[in-house]
Amino acid sequence: MPNIKSAKKRVLVSAAQNAKNRSVKSAVKTKIKKFDTALVGGGDAVAAHRDAVAGIDQAVAKGIIHKNTAARKKSQLARKLNAAK
C-alpha cells in the first residue's frame, strides 16, 4: 500500500475504474454469447445481433475497447449472421 495520500487515492480510483471497465467488458461478452446461442438455438438472431453491436458501440464510446477491435468483433458477428441466413 502506498504511503503518499495522492497515491492512496489513485489506488482506490484505479480499482473502482477497473471494476467498472470489467463489468462493461463482461456485459459485451454476455451479449455476444447470447447472439451465438440465438444463432444456434433458433432464437431471434437479428435482435440479438442488434443488441450485441449496440453493446460493442457503447463500450467503444466509453473508451473501454479500441475502435478497431470493435470493428473486428462486429464484422465477425455479421459474418456469422449472414452465414446462418
N, C-alpha and C. Protein backbone atom coordinates (compact mmCIF):
# COMPACT_ATOMS: atom_id res chain seq x y z
N MET A 1 0.85 -1.19 0.00
CA MET A 1 0.00 0.00 0.00
C MET A 1 0.89 1.24 0.00
N PRO A 2 0.54 2.23 -0.80
CA PRO A 2 1.35 3.44 -0.86
C PRO A 2 1.26 4.26 0.43
N ASN A 3 2.26 5.08 0.64
CA ASN A 3 2.30 5.94 1.83
C ASN A 3 1.79 7.34 1.54
N ILE A 4 1.93 7.79 0.31
CA ILE A 4 1.54 9.16 -0.04
C ILE A 4 0.04 9.21 -0.27
N LYS A 5 -0.57 10.29 0.21
CA LYS A 5 -2.02 10.43 0.16
C LYS A 5 -2.57 10.35 -1.26
N SER A 6 -1.93 11.05 -2.19
CA SER A 6 -2.42 11.05 -3.57
C SER A 6 -2.27 9.67 -4.21
N ALA A 7 -1.22 8.95 -3.85
CA ALA A 7 -1.02 7.60 -4.38
C ALA A 7 -2.08 6.65 -3.83
N LYS A 8 -2.44 6.84 -2.57
CA LYS A 8 -3.51 6.01 -1.98
C LYS A 8 -4.82 6.24 -2.72
N LYS A 9 -5.09 7.51 -3.02
CA LYS A 9 -6.32 7.83 -3.73
C LYS A 9 -6.30 7.23 -5.13
N ARG A 10 -5.16 7.29 -5.81
CA ARG A 10 -5.06 6.71 -7.15
C ARG A 10 -5.33 5.22 -7.12
N VAL A 11 -4.88 4.53 -6.08
CA VAL A 11 -5.13 3.09 -5.96
C VAL A 11 -6.64 2.84 -5.88
N LEU A 12 -7.32 3.63 -5.06
CA LEU A 12 -8.77 3.46 -4.90
C LEU A 12 -9.52 3.79 -6.18
N VAL A 13 -9.15 4.91 -6.80
CA VAL A 13 -9.82 5.33 -8.03
C VAL A 13 -9.57 4.33 -9.15
N SER A 14 -8.33 3.85 -9.22
CA SER A 14 -7.97 2.88 -10.24
C SER A 14 -8.74 1.58 -10.07
N ALA A 15 -8.89 1.14 -8.83
CA ALA A 15 -9.62 -0.10 -8.55
C ALA A 15 -11.09 0.05 -8.94
N ALA A 16 -11.68 1.21 -8.64
CA ALA A 16 -13.08 1.44 -8.98
C ALA A 16 -13.27 1.47 -10.49
N GLN A 17 -12.37 2.15 -11.19
CA GLN A 17 -12.46 2.24 -12.65
C GLN A 17 -12.27 0.88 -13.29
N ASN A 18 -11.33 0.10 -12.73
CA ASN A 18 -11.07 -1.24 -13.24
C ASN A 18 -12.30 -2.12 -13.11
N ALA A 19 -12.99 -2.01 -11.98
CA ALA A 19 -14.20 -2.80 -11.77
C ALA A 19 -15.29 -2.41 -12.76
N LYS A 20 -15.42 -1.10 -13.01
CA LYS A 20 -16.44 -0.63 -13.95
C LYS A 20 -16.12 -1.10 -15.37
N ASN A 21 -14.85 -1.00 -15.76
CA ASN A 21 -14.45 -1.44 -17.09
C ASN A 21 -14.67 -2.94 -17.27
N ARG A 22 -14.32 -3.71 -16.25
CA ARG A 22 -14.53 -5.17 -16.32
C ARG A 22 -16.00 -5.50 -16.47
N SER A 23 -16.84 -4.75 -15.76
CA SER A 23 -18.28 -5.01 -15.83
C SER A 23 -18.82 -4.74 -17.23
N VAL A 24 -18.35 -3.67 -17.87
CA VAL A 24 -18.81 -3.35 -19.23
C VAL A 24 -18.31 -4.40 -20.21
N LYS A 25 -17.04 -4.80 -20.08
CA LYS A 25 -16.48 -5.83 -20.97
C LYS A 25 -17.24 -7.14 -20.82
N SER A 26 -17.56 -7.47 -19.58
CA SER A 26 -18.30 -8.70 -19.31
C SER A 26 -19.69 -8.65 -19.94
N ALA A 27 -20.34 -7.48 -19.86
CA ALA A 27 -21.66 -7.33 -20.45
C ALA A 27 -21.61 -7.51 -21.97
N VAL A 28 -20.56 -6.98 -22.59
CA VAL A 28 -20.40 -7.12 -24.04
C VAL A 28 -20.22 -8.60 -24.39
N LYS A 29 -19.38 -9.29 -23.62
CA LYS A 29 -19.15 -10.72 -23.88
C LYS A 29 -20.44 -11.52 -23.71
N THR A 30 -21.25 -11.14 -22.72
CA THR A 30 -22.52 -11.83 -22.49
C THR A 30 -23.46 -11.61 -23.68
N LYS A 31 -23.50 -10.39 -24.20
CA LYS A 31 -24.37 -10.12 -25.35
C LYS A 31 -23.92 -10.91 -26.57
N ILE A 32 -22.60 -11.04 -26.74
CA ILE A 32 -22.09 -11.82 -27.87
C ILE A 32 -22.45 -13.29 -27.71
N LYS A 33 -22.36 -13.80 -26.48
CA LYS A 33 -22.73 -15.20 -26.22
C LYS A 33 -24.23 -15.42 -26.45
N LYS A 34 -25.04 -14.44 -26.08
CA LYS A 34 -26.48 -14.54 -26.32
C LYS A 34 -26.78 -14.59 -27.82
N PHE A 35 -26.01 -13.81 -28.59
CA PHE A 35 -26.16 -13.84 -30.04
C PHE A 35 -25.80 -15.22 -30.57
N ASP A 36 -24.70 -15.78 -30.09
CA ASP A 36 -24.28 -17.12 -30.54
C ASP A 36 -25.32 -18.18 -30.21
N THR A 37 -25.89 -18.12 -29.01
CA THR A 37 -26.91 -19.10 -28.64
C THR A 37 -28.18 -18.91 -29.44
N ALA A 38 -28.54 -17.66 -29.73
CA ALA A 38 -29.72 -17.40 -30.56
C ALA A 38 -29.49 -17.91 -31.97
N LEU A 39 -28.28 -17.82 -32.45
CA LEU A 39 -27.94 -18.29 -33.79
C LEU A 39 -28.07 -19.80 -33.87
N VAL A 40 -27.57 -20.49 -32.85
CA VAL A 40 -27.60 -21.96 -32.83
C VAL A 40 -28.98 -22.48 -32.43
N GLY A 41 -29.57 -21.85 -31.41
CA GLY A 41 -30.82 -22.34 -30.85
C GLY A 41 -32.06 -21.94 -31.62
N GLY A 42 -31.91 -21.14 -32.65
CA GLY A 42 -33.06 -20.74 -33.43
C GLY A 42 -33.84 -19.59 -32.82
N GLY A 43 -33.22 -18.83 -31.94
CA GLY A 43 -33.87 -17.66 -31.37
C GLY A 43 -33.88 -16.51 -32.35
N ASP A 44 -34.21 -15.34 -31.86
CA ASP A 44 -34.23 -14.14 -32.71
C ASP A 44 -32.80 -13.62 -32.86
N ALA A 45 -32.09 -14.14 -33.84
CA ALA A 45 -30.68 -13.82 -34.03
C ALA A 45 -30.49 -12.37 -34.47
N VAL A 46 -31.44 -11.84 -35.23
CA VAL A 46 -31.30 -10.46 -35.73
C VAL A 46 -31.36 -9.48 -34.56
N ALA A 47 -32.29 -9.69 -33.65
CA ALA A 47 -32.40 -8.81 -32.49
C ALA A 47 -31.18 -8.96 -31.58
N ALA A 48 -30.71 -10.19 -31.41
CA ALA A 48 -29.52 -10.43 -30.59
C ALA A 48 -28.29 -9.78 -31.23
N HIS A 49 -28.22 -9.81 -32.55
CA HIS A 49 -27.10 -9.17 -33.26
C HIS A 49 -27.15 -7.66 -33.05
N ARG A 50 -28.33 -7.09 -33.17
CA ARG A 50 -28.50 -5.65 -32.97
C ARG A 50 -28.08 -5.25 -31.55
N ASP A 51 -28.48 -6.07 -30.57
CA ASP A 51 -28.15 -5.80 -29.17
C ASP A 51 -26.64 -5.90 -28.93
N ALA A 52 -26.01 -6.91 -29.51
CA ALA A 52 -24.57 -7.11 -29.34
C ALA A 52 -23.78 -5.96 -29.97
N VAL A 53 -24.19 -5.53 -31.16
CA VAL A 53 -23.49 -4.43 -31.84
C VAL A 53 -23.67 -3.14 -31.04
N ALA A 54 -24.85 -2.92 -30.49
CA ALA A 54 -25.07 -1.73 -29.68
C ALA A 54 -24.18 -1.74 -28.44
N GLY A 55 -24.05 -2.91 -27.81
CA GLY A 55 -23.19 -3.02 -26.64
C GLY A 55 -21.74 -2.75 -26.97
N ILE A 56 -21.30 -3.26 -28.11
CA ILE A 56 -19.92 -3.02 -28.55
C ILE A 56 -19.70 -1.54 -28.80
N ASP A 57 -20.66 -0.90 -29.47
CA ASP A 57 -20.53 0.53 -29.75
C ASP A 57 -20.49 1.37 -28.47
N GLN A 58 -21.28 0.97 -27.48
CA GLN A 58 -21.27 1.70 -26.21
C GLN A 58 -19.92 1.55 -25.51
N ALA A 59 -19.33 0.36 -25.58
CA ALA A 59 -18.02 0.15 -24.96
C ALA A 59 -16.96 0.99 -25.65
N VAL A 60 -17.07 1.14 -26.97
CA VAL A 60 -16.12 1.99 -27.70
C VAL A 60 -16.31 3.44 -27.29
N ALA A 61 -17.55 3.88 -27.16
CA ALA A 61 -17.83 5.26 -26.79
C ALA A 61 -17.27 5.59 -25.40
N LYS A 62 -17.26 4.61 -24.52
CA LYS A 62 -16.72 4.80 -23.17
C LYS A 62 -15.20 4.64 -23.13
N GLY A 63 -14.62 4.24 -24.26
CA GLY A 63 -13.18 4.08 -24.31
C GLY A 63 -12.67 2.79 -23.69
N ILE A 64 -13.53 1.81 -23.56
CA ILE A 64 -13.15 0.57 -22.89
C ILE A 64 -12.52 -0.42 -23.87
N ILE A 65 -13.03 -0.46 -25.10
CA ILE A 65 -12.37 -1.27 -26.12
C ILE A 65 -12.00 -0.37 -27.29
N HIS A 66 -10.96 -0.77 -28.01
CA HIS A 66 -10.45 0.02 -29.14
C HIS A 66 -11.42 -0.08 -30.31
N LYS A 67 -11.48 0.96 -31.11
CA LYS A 67 -12.44 1.00 -32.22
C LYS A 67 -12.15 -0.07 -33.26
N ASN A 68 -10.88 -0.42 -33.47
CA ASN A 68 -10.57 -1.47 -34.43
C ASN A 68 -10.98 -2.84 -33.91
N THR A 69 -10.83 -3.05 -32.62
CA THR A 69 -11.30 -4.30 -32.00
C THR A 69 -12.81 -4.41 -32.16
N ALA A 70 -13.50 -3.31 -31.94
CA ALA A 70 -14.96 -3.30 -32.08
C ALA A 70 -15.35 -3.59 -33.52
N ALA A 71 -14.66 -2.99 -34.47
CA ALA A 71 -14.97 -3.22 -35.88
C ALA A 71 -14.76 -4.69 -36.23
N ARG A 72 -13.70 -5.28 -35.71
CA ARG A 72 -13.42 -6.70 -35.97
C ARG A 72 -14.52 -7.59 -35.39
N LYS A 73 -14.91 -7.30 -34.15
CA LYS A 73 -15.96 -8.10 -33.50
C LYS A 73 -17.29 -7.97 -34.23
N LYS A 74 -17.63 -6.76 -34.64
CA LYS A 74 -18.89 -6.54 -35.37
C LYS A 74 -18.87 -7.25 -36.71
N SER A 75 -17.72 -7.25 -37.35
CA SER A 75 -17.58 -7.94 -38.63
C SER A 75 -17.75 -9.44 -38.46
N GLN A 76 -17.17 -9.98 -37.39
CA GLN A 76 -17.30 -11.41 -37.12
C GLN A 76 -18.77 -11.78 -36.87
N LEU A 77 -19.47 -10.94 -36.12
CA LEU A 77 -20.88 -11.21 -35.84
C LEU A 77 -21.71 -11.14 -37.12
N ALA A 78 -21.42 -10.16 -37.96
CA ALA A 78 -22.16 -10.01 -39.21
C ALA A 78 -21.93 -11.22 -40.13
N ARG A 79 -20.68 -11.69 -40.17
CA ARG A 79 -20.39 -12.86 -41.00
C ARG A 79 -21.14 -14.09 -40.50
N LYS A 80 -21.19 -14.26 -39.18
CA LYS A 80 -21.93 -15.40 -38.62
C LYS A 80 -23.41 -15.30 -38.95
N LEU A 81 -23.97 -14.09 -38.84
CA LEU A 81 -25.38 -13.88 -39.11
C LEU A 81 -25.69 -14.15 -40.58
N ASN A 82 -24.86 -13.65 -41.48
CA ASN A 82 -25.09 -13.84 -42.91
C ASN A 82 -24.92 -15.30 -43.32
N ALA A 83 -24.00 -15.99 -42.67
CA ALA A 83 -23.79 -17.42 -42.99
C ALA A 83 -24.99 -18.24 -42.53
N ALA A 84 -25.64 -17.81 -41.46
CA ALA A 84 -26.78 -18.57 -40.93
C ALA A 84 -28.04 -18.36 -41.78
N LYS A 85 -28.10 -17.25 -42.52
CA LYS A 85 -29.31 -16.97 -43.31
C LYS A 85 -29.40 -17.84 -44.52
